[in-house]
Amino acid sequence: MASRDDIKFLSNPNIGQKRKKYCRFRKYGIKYIDYKDQDFLLQFVNEQGKILPRRITGNSLKYQRKVATAVKRARHLAMLPYVTDLLK
């Protein structure tokens, strides 16, 4: 029977390691999120029109709030739909 130390080496060491998420705004130095840029905002919205959470997008808290505000402004001005069946 294998001991606990041997079991650690029997499994693949790459299983369970995830890629580190990064905030694309900090990486590229983006300071202002333009609510008029629909194509850019569509990256942060799923097919149903809901805003994607931070754990999926990898944004920092500061920029996730700015993205949410920009999406809501674009929705208010009818640049983005509130709800849809297939957006992308």
PDB file of N, CA and C in Angstrom:
ATOM      1  N   MET A   1       0.839  -1.187   0.000  1.00  0.00           N
ATOM      2  CA  MET A   1       0.000   0.000   0.000  1.00  0.00           C
ATOM      3  C   MET A   1       0.882   1.247   0.000  1.00  0.00           C
ATOM      4  N   ALA A   2       0.501   2.249  -0.770  1.00  0.00           N
ATOM      5  CA  ALA A   2       1.290   3.472  -0.890  1.00  0.00           C
ATOM      6  C   ALA A   2       1.032   4.389   0.294  1.00  0.00           C
ATOM      7  N   SER A   3       2.094   4.992   0.762  1.00  0.00           N
ATOM      8  CA  SER A   3       1.943   5.935   1.868  1.00  0.00           C
ATOM      9  C   SER A   3       1.442   7.281   1.335  1.00  0.00           C
ATOM     10  N   ARG A   4       1.158   8.190   2.238  1.00  0.00           N
ATOM     11  CA  ARG A   4       0.633   9.493   1.823  1.00  0.00           C
ATOM     12  C   ARG A   4       1.644  10.283   1.002  1.00  0.00           C
ATOM     13  N   ASP A   5       2.920  10.139   1.302  1.00  0.00           N
ATOM     14  CA  ASP A   5       3.937  10.868   0.551  1.00  0.00           C
ATOM     15  C   ASP A   5       4.026  10.367  -0.886  1.00  0.00           C
ATOM     16  N   ASP A   6       3.823   9.060  -1.100  1.00  0.00           N
ATOM     17  CA  ASP A   6       3.893   8.499  -2.446  1.00  0.00           C
ATOM     18  C   ASP A   6       2.686   8.910  -3.289  1.00  0.00           C
ATOM     19  N   ILE A   7       1.536   9.063  -2.680  1.00  0.00           N
ATOM     20  CA  ILE A   7       0.324   9.429  -3.413  1.00  0.00           C
ATOM     21  C   ILE A   7       0.470  10.817  -4.017  1.00  0.00           C
ATOM     22  N   LYS A   8       1.176  11.693  -3.329  1.00  0.00           N
ATOM     23  CA  LYS A   8       1.364  13.051  -3.828  1.00  0.00           C
ATOM     24  C   LYS A   8       2.108  13.035  -5.169  1.00  0.00           C
ATOM     25  N   PHE A   9       3.035  12.109  -5.329  1.00  0.00           N
ATOM     26  CA  PHE A   9       3.819  12.066  -6.557  1.00  0.00           C
ATOM     27  C   PHE A   9       3.187  11.200  -7.637  1.00  0.00           C
ATOM     28  N   LEU A  10       2.188  10.394  -7.302  1.00  0.00           N
ATOM     29  CA  LEU A  10       1.529   9.566  -8.295  1.00  0.00           C
ATOM     30  C   LEU A  10       0.569  10.377  -9.163  1.00  0.00           C
ATOM     31  N   SER A  11       0.032  11.444  -8.624  1.00  0.00           N
ATOM     32  CA  SER A  11      -0.905  12.261  -9.391  1.00  0.00           C
ATOM     33  C   SER A  11      -0.137  13.305 -10.199  1.00  0.00           C
ATOM     34  N   ASN A  12      -0.786  13.815 -11.224  1.00  0.00           N
ATOM     35  CA  ASN A  12      -0.182  14.832 -12.079  1.00  0.00           C
ATOM     36  C   ASN A  12      -0.071  16.139 -11.295  1.00  0.00           C
ATOM     37  N   PRO A  13       1.117  16.739 -11.203  1.00  0.00           N
ATOM     38  CA  PRO A  13       1.259  17.960 -10.395  1.00  0.00           C
ATOM     39  C   PRO A  13       0.580  19.179 -11.004  1.00  0.00           C
ATOM     40  N   ASN A  14       0.236  19.145 -12.295  1.00  0.00           N
ATOM     41  CA  ASN A  14      -0.385  20.310 -12.940  1.00  0.00           C
ATOM     42  C   ASN A  14      -1.891  20.374 -12.725  1.00  0.00           C
ATOM     43  N   ILE A  15      -2.486  19.310 -12.201  1.00  0.00           N
ATOM     44  CA  ILE A  15      -3.927  19.302 -11.952  1.00  0.00           C
ATOM     45  C   ILE A  15      -4.221  20.217 -10.764  1.00  0.00           C
ATOM     46  N   GLY A  16      -5.184  21.075 -10.911  1.00  0.00           N
ATOM     47  CA  GLY A  16      -5.566  21.979  -9.836  1.00  0.00           C
ATOM     48  C   GLY A  16      -4.872  23.320  -9.904  1.00  0.00           C
ATOM     49  N   GLN A  17      -3.891  23.484 -10.766  1.00  0.00           N
ATOM     50  CA  GLN A  17      -3.244  24.776 -10.915  1.00  0.00           C
ATOM     51  C   GLN A  17      -3.984  25.579 -11.969  1.00  0.00           C
ATOM     52  N   LYS A  18      -4.406  26.744 -11.602  1.00  0.00           N
ATOM     53  CA  LYS A  18      -5.134  27.603 -12.527  1.00  0.00           C
ATOM     54  C   LYS A  18      -4.229  28.747 -12.953  1.00  0.00           C
ATOM     55  N   ARG A  19      -4.522  29.276 -14.146  1.00  0.00           N
ATOM     56  CA  ARG A  19      -3.799  30.453 -14.598  1.00  0.00           C
ATOM     57  C   ARG A  19      -4.154  31.638 -13.725  1.00  0.00           C
ATOM     58  N   LYS A  20      -3.171  32.447 -13.423  1.00  0.00           N
ATOM     59  CA  LYS A  20      -3.427  33.637 -12.616  1.00  0.00           C
ATOM     60  C   LYS A  20      -4.241  34.637 -13.424  1.00  0.00           C
ATOM     61  N   LYS A  21      -5.318  35.114 -12.828  1.00  0.00           N
ATOM     62  CA  LYS A  21      -6.147  36.122 -13.477  1.00  0.00           C
ATOM     63  C   LYS A  21      -5.495  37.481 -13.270  1.00  0.00           C
ATOM     64  N   TYR A  22      -5.684  38.360 -14.216  1.00  0.00           N
ATOM     65  CA  TYR A  22      -5.100  39.680 -14.129  1.00  0.00           C
ATOM     66  C   TYR A  22      -6.156  40.712 -14.497  1.00  0.00           C
ATOM     67  N   CYS A  23      -5.973  41.876 -13.961  1.00  0.00           N
ATOM     68  CA  CYS A  23      -6.855  42.985 -14.300  1.00  0.00           C
ATOM     69  C   CYS A  23      -6.319  43.633 -15.564  1.00  0.00           C
ATOM     70  N   ARG A  24      -7.059  43.522 -16.643  1.00  0.00           N
ATOM     71  CA  ARG A  24      -6.571  44.044 -17.927  1.00  0.00           C
ATOM     72  C   ARG A  24      -6.444  45.557 -17.911  1.00  0.00           C
ATOM     73  N   PHE A  25      -7.176  46.230 -17.055  1.00  0.00           N
ATOM     74  CA  PHE A  25      -7.105  47.687 -16.983  1.00  0.00           C
ATOM     75  C   PHE A  25      -5.784  48.137 -16.354  1.00  0.00           C
ATOM     76  N   ARG A  26      -5.357  47.432 -15.319  1.00  0.00           N
ATOM     77  CA  ARG A  26      -4.074  47.762 -14.705  1.00  0.00           C
ATOM     78  C   ARG A  26      -2.914  47.354 -15.598  1.00  0.00           C
ATOM     79  N   LYS A  27      -3.064  46.237 -16.290  1.00  0.00           N
ATOM     80  CA  LYS A  27      -1.982  45.749 -17.143  1.00  0.00           C
ATOM     81  C   LYS A  27      -1.710  46.699 -18.303  1.00  0.00           C
ATOM     82  N   TYR A  28      -2.767  47.206 -18.931  1.00  0.00           N
ATOM     83  CA  TYR A  28      -2.609  48.081 -20.086  1.00  0.00           C
ATOM     84  C   TYR A  28      -2.704  49.559 -19.741  1.00  0.00           C
ATOM     85  N   GLY A  29      -2.901  49.883 -18.479  1.00  0.00           N
ATOM     86  CA  GLY A  29      -2.923  51.279 -18.058  1.00  0.00           C
ATOM     87  C   GLY A  29      -4.158  52.043 -18.488  1.00  0.00           C
ATOM     88  N   ILE A  30      -5.298  51.365 -18.584  1.00  0.00           N
ATOM     89  CA  ILE A  30      -6.548  52.024 -18.968  1.00  0.00           C
ATOM     90  C   ILE A  30      -7.122  52.723 -17.734  1.00  0.00           C
ATOM     91  N   LYS A  31      -7.337  54.019 -17.835  1.00  0.00           N
ATOM     92  CA  LYS A  31      -7.847  54.790 -16.700  1.00  0.00           C
ATOM     93  C   LYS A  31      -9.349  55.047 -16.806  1.00  0.00           C
ATOM     94  N   TYR A  32      -9.841  55.210 -18.035  1.00  0.00           N
ATOM     95  CA  TYR A  32     -11.241  55.585 -18.230  1.00  0.00           C
ATOM     96  C   TYR A  32     -11.944  54.524 -19.065  1.00  0.00           C
ATOM     97  N   ILE A  33     -13.093  54.078 -18.611  1.00  0.00           N
ATOM     98  CA  ILE A  33     -13.890  53.107 -19.345  1.00  0.00           C
ATOM     99  C   ILE A  33     -15.020  53.872 -20.018  1.00  0.00           C
ATOM    100  N   ASP A  34     -15.004  53.876 -21.339  1.00  0.00           N
ATOM    101  CA  ASP A  34     -15.955  54.662 -22.113  1.00  0.00           C
ATOM    102  C   ASP A  34     -17.259  53.883 -22.269  1.00  0.00           C
ATOM    103  N   TYR A  35     -18.353  54.454 -21.810  1.00  0.00           N
ATOM    104  CA  TYR A  35     -19.645  53.781 -21.913  1.00  0.00           C
ATOM    105  C   TYR A  35     -20.177  53.776 -23.342  1.00  0.00           C
ATOM    106  N   LYS A  36     -19.572  54.569 -24.235  1.00  0.00           N
ATOM    107  CA  LYS A  36     -20.020  54.622 -25.632  1.00  0.00           C
ATOM    108  C   LYS A  36     -19.360  53.551 -26.501  1.00  0.00           C
ATOM    109  N   ASP A  37     -18.372  52.844 -25.966  1.00  0.00           N
ATOM    110  CA  ASP A  37     -17.668  51.800 -26.709  1.00  0.00           C
ATOM    111  C   ASP A  37     -18.377  50.465 -26.475  1.00  0.00           C
ATOM    112  N   GLN A  38     -19.343  50.156 -27.338  1.00  0.00           N
ATOM    113  CA  GLN A  38     -20.185  48.971 -27.148  1.00  0.00           C
ATOM    114  C   GLN A  38     -19.411  47.672 -27.302  1.00  0.00           C
ATOM    115  N   ASP A  39     -18.502  47.615 -28.257  1.00  0.00           N
ATOM    116  CA  ASP A  39     -17.753  46.381 -28.495  1.00  0.00           C
ATOM    117  C   ASP A  39     -16.891  46.017 -27.296  1.00  0.00           C
ATOM    118  N   PHE A  40     -16.317  47.005 -26.653  1.00  0.00           N
ATOM    119  CA  PHE A  40     -15.496  46.753 -25.475  1.00  0.00           C
ATOM    120  C   PHE A  40     -16.353  46.287 -24.298  1.00  0.00           C
ATOM    121  N   LEU A  41     -17.511  46.905 -24.121  1.00  0.00           N
ATOM    122  CA  LEU A  41     -18.374  46.537 -23.000  1.00  0.00           C
ATOM    123  C   LEU A  41     -19.003  45.156 -23.168  1.00  0.00           C
ATOM    124  N   LEU A  42     -19.131  44.694 -24.401  1.00  0.00           N
ATOM    125  CA  LEU A  42     -19.703  43.362 -24.633  1.00  0.00           C
ATOM    126  C   LEU A  42     -18.816  42.254 -24.090  1.00  0.00           C
ATOM    127  N   GLN A  43     -17.543  42.529 -23.837  1.00  0.00           N
ATOM    128  CA  GLN A  43     -16.654  41.534 -23.248  1.00  0.00           C
ATOM    129  C   GLN A  43     -17.012  41.243 -21.794  1.00  0.00           C
ATOM    130  N   PHE A  44     -17.712  42.160 -21.153  1.00  0.00           N
ATOM    131  CA  PHE A  44     -18.049  42.027 -19.740  1.00  0.00           C
ATOM    132  C   PHE A  44     -19.516  41.678 -19.519  1.00  0.00           C
ATOM    133  N   VAL A  45     -20.206  41.276 -20.586  1.00  0.00           N
ATOM    134  CA  VAL A  45     -21.628  40.944 -20.519  1.00  0.00           C
ATOM    135  C   VAL A  45     -21.804  39.553 -21.130  1.00  0.00           C
ATOM    136  N   ASN A  46     -22.639  38.716 -20.509  1.00  0.00           N
ATOM    137  CA  ASN A  46     -22.858  37.391 -21.076  1.00  0.00           C
ATOM    138  C   ASN A  46     -23.933  37.431 -22.157  1.00  0.00           C
ATOM    139  N   GLU A  47     -24.312  36.266 -22.667  1.00  0.00           N
ATOM    140  CA  GLU A  47     -25.258  36.188 -23.785  1.00  0.00           C
ATOM    141  C   GLU A  47     -26.634  36.729 -23.433  1.00  0.00           C
ATOM    142  N   GLN A  48     -26.981  36.681 -22.163  1.00  0.00           N
ATOM    143  CA  GLN A  48     -28.292  37.149 -21.729  1.00  0.00           C
ATOM    144  C   GLN A  48     -28.305  38.626 -21.375  1.00  0.00           C
ATOM    145  N   GLY A  49     -27.155  39.262 -21.410  1.00  0.00           N
ATOM    146  CA  GLY A  49     -27.074  40.684 -21.107  1.00  0.00           C
ATOM    147  C   GLY A  49     -26.706  40.987 -19.674  1.00  0.00           C
ATOM    148  N   LYS A  50     -26.363  39.975 -18.880  1.00  0.00           N
ATOM    149  CA  LYS A  50     -25.997  40.196 -17.487  1.00  0.00           C
ATOM    150  C   LYS A  50     -24.509  40.536 -17.383  1.00  0.00           C
ATOM    151  N   ILE A  51     -24.169  41.367 -16.401  1.00  0.00           N
ATOM    152  CA  ILE A  51     -22.774  41.747 -16.182  1.00  0.00           C
ATOM    153  C   ILE A  51     -22.050  40.564 -15.542  1.00  0.00           C
ATOM    154  N   LEU A  52     -20.888  40.213 -16.104  1.00  0.00           N
ATOM    155  CA  LEU A  52     -20.115  39.088 -15.591  1.00  0.00           C
ATOM    156  C   LEU A  52     -19.436  39.469 -14.280  1.00  0.00           C
ATOM    157  N   PRO A  53     -19.326  38.527 -13.335  1.00  0.00           N
ATOM    158  CA  PRO A  53     -18.691  38.837 -12.049  1.00  0.00           C
ATOM    159  C   PRO A  53     -17.173  38.916 -12.152  1.00  0.00           C
ATOM    160  N   ARG A  54     -16.568  39.439 -11.103  1.00  0.00           N
ATOM    161  CA  ARG A  54     -15.114  39.610 -11.047  1.00  0.00           C
ATOM    162  C   ARG A  54     -14.375  38.286 -11.137  1.00  0.00           C
ATOM    163  N   ARG A  55     -14.910  37.250 -10.549  1.00  0.00           N
ATOM    164  CA  ARG A  55     -14.198  35.975 -10.537  1.00  0.00           C
ATOM    165  C   ARG A  55     -14.061  35.387 -11.928  1.00  0.00           C
ATOM    166  N   ILE A  56     -14.900  35.821 -12.855  1.00  0.00           N
ATOM    167  CA  ILE A  56     -14.803  35.343 -14.237  1.00  0.00           C
ATOM    168  C   ILE A  56     -13.960  36.304 -15.077  1.00  0.00           C
ATOM    169  N   THR A  57     -14.175  37.608 -14.936  1.00  0.00           N
ATOM    170  CA  THR A  57     -13.450  38.569 -15.763  1.00  0.00           C
ATOM    171  C   THR A  57     -12.027  38.806 -15.276  1.00  0.00           C
ATOM    172  N   GLY A  58     -11.788  38.661 -13.974  1.00  0.00           N
ATOM    173  CA  GLY A  58     -10.459  38.904 -13.424  1.00  0.00           C
ATOM    174  C   GLY A  58     -10.180  40.363 -13.129  1.00  0.00           C
ATOM    175  N   ASN A  59     -11.181  41.203 -13.169  1.00  0.00           N
ATOM    176  CA  ASN A  59     -10.983  42.626 -12.893  1.00  0.00           C
ATOM    177  C   ASN A  59     -10.763  42.863 -11.406  1.00  0.00           C
ATOM    178  N   SER A  60     -10.087  43.959 -11.100  1.00  0.00           N
ATOM    179  CA  SER A  60      -9.982  44.364  -9.710  1.00  0.00           C
ATOM    180  C   SER A  60     -11.302  45.013  -9.299  1.00  0.00           C
ATOM    181  N   LEU A  61     -11.478  45.182  -8.009  1.00  0.00           N
ATOM    182  CA  LEU A  61     -12.741  45.724  -7.500  1.00  0.00           C
ATOM    183  C   LEU A  61     -13.014  47.125  -8.041  1.00  0.00           C
ATOM    184  N   LYS A  62     -11.982  47.946  -8.091  1.00  0.00           N
ATOM    185  CA  LYS A  62     -12.124  49.329  -8.565  1.00  0.00           C
ATOM    186  C   LYS A  62     -12.625  49.364 -10.000  1.00  0.00           C
ATOM    187  N   TYR A  63     -12.035  48.563 -10.864  1.00  0.00           N
ATOM    188  CA  TYR A  63     -12.410  48.608 -12.268  1.00  0.00           C
ATOM    189  C   TYR A  63     -13.676  47.810 -12.556  1.00  0.00           C
ATOM    190  N   GLN A  64     -13.993  46.841 -11.724  1.00  0.00           N
ATOM    191  CA  GLN A  64     -15.266  46.135 -11.893  1.00  0.00           C
ATOM    192  C   GLN A  64     -16.430  47.080 -11.629  1.00  0.00           C
ATOM    193  N   ARG A  65     -16.268  47.955 -10.643  1.00  0.00           N
ATOM    194  CA  ARG A  65     -17.309  48.948 -10.365  1.00  0.00           C
ATOM    195  C   ARG A  65     -17.459  49.920 -11.529  1.00  0.00           C
ATOM    196  N   LYS A  66     -16.334  50.323 -12.117  1.00  0.00           N
ATOM    197  CA  LYS A  66     -16.393  51.241 -13.255  1.00  0.00           C
ATOM    198  C   LYS A  66     -17.029  50.567 -14.471  1.00  0.00           C
ATOM    199  N   VAL A  67     -16.729  49.282 -14.676  1.00  0.00           N
ATOM    200  CA  VAL A  67     -17.340  48.545 -15.786  1.00  0.00           C
ATOM    201  C   VAL A  67     -18.847  48.456 -15.575  1.00  0.00           C
ATOM    202  N   ALA A  68     -19.268  48.147 -14.349  1.00  0.00           N
ATOM    203  CA  ALA A  68     -20.693  48.034 -14.062  1.00  0.00           C
ATOM    204  C   ALA A  68     -21.409  49.371 -14.297  1.00  0.00           C
ATOM    205  N   THR A  69     -20.781  50.456 -13.887  1.00  0.00           N
ATOM    206  CA  THR A  69     -21.374  51.780 -14.107  1.00  0.00           C
ATOM    207  C   THR A  69     -21.469  52.090 -15.597  1.00  0.00           C
ATOM    208  N   ALA A  70     -20.415  51.750 -16.346  1.00  0.00           N
ATOM    209  CA  ALA A  70     -20.420  52.022 -17.788  1.00  0.00           C
ATOM    210  C   ALA A  70     -21.478  51.192 -18.503  1.00  0.00           C
ATOM    211  N   VAL A  71     -21.644  49.935 -18.108  1.00  0.00           N
ATOM    212  CA  VAL A  71     -22.663  49.082 -18.728  1.00  0.00           C
ATOM    213  C   VAL A  71     -24.057  49.616 -18.417  1.00  0.00           C
ATOM    214  N   LYS A  72     -24.260  50.046 -17.189  1.00  0.00           N
ATOM    215  CA  LYS A  72     -25.571  50.573 -16.810  1.00  0.00           C
ATOM    216  C   LYS A  72     -25.891  51.879 -17.542  1.00  0.00           C
ATOM    217  N   ARG A  73     -24.878  52.716 -17.748  1.00  0.00           N
ATOM    218  CA  ARG A  73     -25.091  53.948 -18.512  1.00  0.00           C
ATOM    219  C   ARG A  73     -25.422  53.640 -19.967  1.00  0.00           C
ATOM    220  N   ALA A  74     -24.709  52.672 -20.534  1.00  0.00           N
ATOM    221  CA  ALA A  74     -24.965  52.294 -21.925  1.00  0.00           C
ATOM    222  C   ALA A  74     -26.356  51.689 -22.077  1.00  0.00           C
ATOM    223  N   ARG A  75     -26.793  50.944 -21.083  1.00  0.00           N
ATOM    224  CA  ARG A  75     -28.155  50.391 -21.118  1.00  0.00           C
ATOM    225  C   ARG A  75     -29.186  51.516 -21.057  1.00  0.00           C
ATOM    226  N   HIS A  76     -28.938  52.491 -20.203  1.00  0.00           N
ATOM    227  CA  HIS A  76     -29.886  53.594 -20.038  1.00  0.00           C
ATOM    228  C   HIS A  76     -30.034  54.400 -21.335  1.00  0.00           C
ATOM    229  N   LEU A  77     -28.952  54.512 -22.098  1.00  0.00           N
ATOM    230  CA  LEU A  77     -28.980  55.248 -23.362  1.00  0.00           C
ATOM    231  C   LEU A  77     -29.313  54.350 -24.550  1.00  0.00           C
ATOM    232  N   ALA A  78     -29.730  53.124 -24.275  1.00  0.00           N
ATOM    233  CA  ALA A  78     -30.149  52.147 -25.295  1.00  0.00           C
ATOM    234  C   ALA A  78     -29.011  51.756 -26.238  1.00  0.00           C
ATOM    235  N   MET A  79     -27.774  51.804 -25.746  1.00  0.00           N
ATOM    236  CA  MET A  79     -26.643  51.318 -26.537  1.00  0.00           C
ATOM    237  C   MET A  79     -26.435  49.825 -26.326  1.00  0.00           C
ATOM    238  N   LEU A  80     -26.793  49.353 -25.152  1.00  0.00           N
ATOM    239  CA  LEU A  80     -26.769  47.924 -24.833  1.00  0.00           C
ATOM    240  C   LEU A  80     -28.162  47.518 -24.375  1.00  0.00           C
ATOM    241  N   PRO A  81     -28.594  46.312 -24.695  1.00  0.00           N
ATOM    242  CA  PRO A  81     -29.916  45.880 -24.229  1.00  0.00           C
ATOM    243  C   PRO A  81     -29.875  45.470 -22.758  1.00  0.00           C
ATOM    244  N   TYR A  82     -31.000  45.630 -22.084  1.00  0.00           N
ATOM    245  CA  TYR A  82     -31.099  45.173 -20.696  1.00  0.00           C
ATOM    246  C   TYR A  82     -31.131  43.660 -20.651  1.00  0.00           C
ATOM    247  N   VAL A  83     -31.993  43.053 -21.460  1.00  0.00           N
ATOM    248  CA  VAL A  83     -32.160  41.602 -21.492  1.00  0.00           C
ATOM    249  C   VAL A  83     -32.295  41.184 -22.943  1.00  0.00           C
ATOM    250  N   THR A  84     -31.711  40.035 -23.265  1.00  0.00           N
ATOM    251  CA  THR A  84     -31.829  39.510 -24.615  1.00  0.00           C
ATOM    252  C   THR A  84     -31.666  37.998 -24.577  1.00  0.00           C
ATOM    253  N   ASP A  85     -32.058  37.336 -25.664  1.00  0.00           N
ATOM    254  CA  ASP A  85     -31.895  35.889 -25.734  1.00  0.00           C
ATOM    255  C   ASP A  85     -30.471  35.521 -26.155  1.00  0.00           C
ATOM    256  N   LEU A  86     -30.024  36.055 -27.272  1.00  0.00           N
ATOM    257  CA  LEU A  86     -28.673  35.785 -27.753  1.00  0.00           C
ATOM    258  C   LEU A  86     -28.014  37.098 -28.136  1.00  0.00           C
ATOM    259  N   LEU A  87     -27.095  37.559 -27.320  1.00  0.00           N
ATOM    260  CA  LEU A  87     -26.455  38.839 -27.560  1.00  0.00           C
ATOM    261  C   LEU A  87     -25.215  38.689 -28.435  1.00  0.00           C
ATOM    262  N   LYS A  88     -24.443  37.645 -28.201  1.00  0.00           N
ATOM    263  CA  LYS A  88     -23.176  37.488 -28.922  1.00  0.00           C
ATOM    264  C   LYS A  88     -23.301  36.557 -30.092  1.00  0.00           C
TER     265      LYS A  88
END
